[in-house]
Amino acid sequence: MYTYKQKCLSEVFDDSFITNDAIHDHYTRQSNQLHTPLCKSNLLKFSLAYRGAVVWNEIPQYIKQAVSLTQFKRRYIKYILEAH
């Protein structure tokens, strides 16, 4: 997800995720977060489009703002270890 947000992936992934502000015409508290698609089955809840958005939205902002993938990984691992 970090590499997607930094636009380091292939153009194939450009339309894989959208933010909530692209869906709503007005401001919402989650307008800058990724939109989680509606899942009518449990199978879809394991897809990258759903789980990727859910996990990314749960990550604190200071981790998302890392300047490199290495820094992101270090911050995220530290966050996970401290949370559990």
C-alpha atoms as a PDB file:
ATOM      1  CA  MET A   1       0.000   0.000   0.000  1.00  0.00           C
ATOM      2  CA  TYR A   2       2.885   2.366   0.734  1.00  0.00           C
ATOM      3  CA  THR A   3       4.349   1.834  -2.733  1.00  0.00           C
ATOM      4  CA  TYR A   4       0.891   2.341  -4.237  1.00  0.00           C
ATOM      5  CA  LYS A   5       0.424   5.658  -2.420  1.00  0.00           C
ATOM      6  CA  GLN A   6       3.907   6.787  -3.498  1.00  0.00           C
ATOM      7  CA  LYS A   7       2.999   5.912  -7.114  1.00  0.00           C
ATOM      8  CA  CYS A   8       5.872   3.433  -7.391  1.00  0.00           C
ATOM      9  CA  LEU A   9       3.767   0.631  -8.874  1.00  0.00           C
ATOM     10  CA  SER A  10       2.889  -0.087 -12.460  1.00  0.00           C
ATOM     11  CA  GLU A  11       0.140   1.937 -14.165  1.00  0.00           C
ATOM     12  CA  VAL A  12      -2.073  -1.145 -13.941  1.00  0.00           C
ATOM     13  CA  PHE A  13      -2.698  -0.329 -10.271  1.00  0.00           C
ATOM     14  CA  ASP A  14      -3.528   3.370 -10.759  1.00  0.00           C
ATOM     15  CA  ASP A  15      -7.291   2.830 -10.516  1.00  0.00           C
ATOM     16  CA  SER A  16      -7.200   0.069  -7.895  1.00  0.00           C
ATOM     17  CA  PHE A  17      -8.083   2.315  -4.949  1.00  0.00           C
ATOM     18  CA  ILE A  18      -9.984   5.552  -4.534  1.00  0.00           C
ATOM     19  CA  THR A  19     -10.258   7.937  -1.621  1.00  0.00           C
ATOM     20  CA  ASN A  20     -13.529   8.784   0.060  1.00  0.00           C
ATOM     21  CA  ASP A  21     -13.383  12.391  -1.149  1.00  0.00           C
ATOM     22  CA  ALA A  22     -13.807  11.094  -4.721  1.00  0.00           C
ATOM     23  CA  ILE A  23     -17.136   9.548  -3.689  1.00  0.00           C
ATOM     24  CA  HIS A  24     -18.655  12.269  -1.506  1.00  0.00           C
ATOM     25  CA  ASP A  25     -19.301  15.827  -2.668  1.00  0.00           C
ATOM     26  CA  HIS A  26     -18.986  17.130   0.870  1.00  0.00           C
ATOM     27  CA  TYR A  27     -16.330  16.910   3.589  1.00  0.00           C
ATOM     28  CA  THR A  28     -16.373  13.846   5.807  1.00  0.00           C
ATOM     29  CA  ARG A  29     -14.022  12.888   8.634  1.00  0.00           C
ATOM     30  CA  GLN A  30     -12.691  10.015   6.535  1.00  0.00           C
ATOM     31  CA  SER A  31     -12.441  11.956   3.271  1.00  0.00           C
ATOM     32  CA  ASN A  32      -8.673  11.445   3.001  1.00  0.00           C
ATOM     33  CA  GLN A  33      -8.844   7.703   3.699  1.00  0.00           C
ATOM     34  CA  LEU A  34      -9.140   4.944   1.129  1.00  0.00           C
ATOM     35  CA  HIS A  35     -12.651   3.825   0.274  1.00  0.00           C
ATOM     36  CA  THR A  36     -13.492   0.293   1.389  1.00  0.00           C
ATOM     37  CA  PRO A  37     -15.721  -1.383  -1.182  1.00  0.00           C
ATOM     38  CA  LEU A  38     -18.989  -3.008  -0.161  1.00  0.00           C
ATOM     39  CA  CYS A  39     -18.474  -6.751   0.294  1.00  0.00           C
ATOM     40  CA  LYS A  40     -21.476  -9.015   0.060  1.00  0.00           C
ATOM     41  CA  SER A  41     -19.459 -12.164   0.686  1.00  0.00           C
ATOM     42  CA  ASN A  42     -16.637 -13.180   2.990  1.00  0.00           C
ATOM     43  CA  LEU A  43     -14.522 -14.103  -0.003  1.00  0.00           C
ATOM     44  CA  LEU A  44     -14.325 -10.472  -1.105  1.00  0.00           C
ATOM     45  CA  LYS A  45     -13.203  -9.420   2.378  1.00  0.00           C
ATOM     46  CA  PHE A  46      -9.904 -11.186   1.707  1.00  0.00           C
ATOM     47  CA  SER A  47      -9.245  -9.304  -1.539  1.00  0.00           C
ATOM     48  CA  LEU A  48      -6.493  -6.708  -1.837  1.00  0.00           C
ATOM     49  CA  ALA A  49      -9.025  -4.011  -2.699  1.00  0.00           C
ATOM     50  CA  TYR A  50     -10.787  -4.510   0.643  1.00  0.00           C
ATOM     51  CA  ARG A  51      -8.038  -5.618   3.065  1.00  0.00           C
ATOM     52  CA  GLY A  52      -5.495  -3.208   1.630  1.00  0.00           C
ATOM     53  CA  ALA A  53      -7.814  -0.259   2.218  1.00  0.00           C
ATOM     54  CA  VAL A  54      -8.819  -1.417   5.701  1.00  0.00           C
ATOM     55  CA  VAL A  55      -5.249  -1.983   6.884  1.00  0.00           C
ATOM     56  CA  TRP A  56      -3.991   1.265   5.322  1.00  0.00           C
ATOM     57  CA  ASN A  57      -6.757   3.274   7.005  1.00  0.00           C
ATOM     58  CA  GLU A  58      -5.822   1.807  10.411  1.00  0.00           C
ATOM     59  CA  ILE A  59      -2.164   2.861  10.175  1.00  0.00           C
ATOM     60  CA  PRO A  60      -1.359   6.083  12.062  1.00  0.00           C
ATOM     61  CA  GLN A  61      -0.574   9.136   9.942  1.00  0.00           C
ATOM     62  CA  TYR A  62       3.040   9.503  11.116  1.00  0.00           C
ATOM     63  CA  ILE A  63       3.816   6.054   9.705  1.00  0.00           C
ATOM     64  CA  LYS A  64       2.136   6.795   6.372  1.00  0.00           C
ATOM     65  CA  GLN A  65       4.233   9.953   6.010  1.00  0.00           C
ATOM     66  CA  ALA A  66       7.547   8.077   5.983  1.00  0.00           C
ATOM     67  CA  VAL A  67       9.935   9.381   3.342  1.00  0.00           C
ATOM     68  CA  SER A  68      11.124   5.948   2.204  1.00  0.00           C
ATOM     69  CA  LEU A  69       9.901   2.371   2.118  1.00  0.00           C
ATOM     70  CA  THR A  70      12.609   1.360   4.584  1.00  0.00           C
ATOM     71  CA  GLN A  71      11.511   4.022   7.064  1.00  0.00           C
ATOM     72  CA  PHE A  72       7.875   2.999   6.586  1.00  0.00           C
ATOM     73  CA  LYS A  73       8.700  -0.649   7.303  1.00  0.00           C
ATOM     74  CA  ARG A  74      10.682   0.212  10.424  1.00  0.00           C
ATOM     75  CA  ARG A  75       7.945   2.462  11.805  1.00  0.00           C
ATOM     76  CA  TYR A  76       5.198  -0.023  10.994  1.00  0.00           C
ATOM     77  CA  ILE A  77       7.014  -2.979  12.558  1.00  0.00           C
ATOM     78  CA  LYS A  78       7.725  -0.930  15.694  1.00  0.00           C
ATOM     79  CA  TYR A  79       4.049   0.117  15.817  1.00  0.00           C
ATOM     80  CA  ILE A  80       2.865  -3.500  15.518  1.00  0.00           C
ATOM     81  CA  LEU A  81       5.271  -4.764  18.175  1.00  0.00           C
ATOM     82  CA  GLU A  82       4.279  -2.014  20.619  1.00  0.00           C
ATOM     83  CA  ALA A  83       0.571  -2.592  20.029  1.00  0.00           C
ATOM     84  CA  HIS A  84       0.751  -6.266  20.967  1.00  0.00           C
END
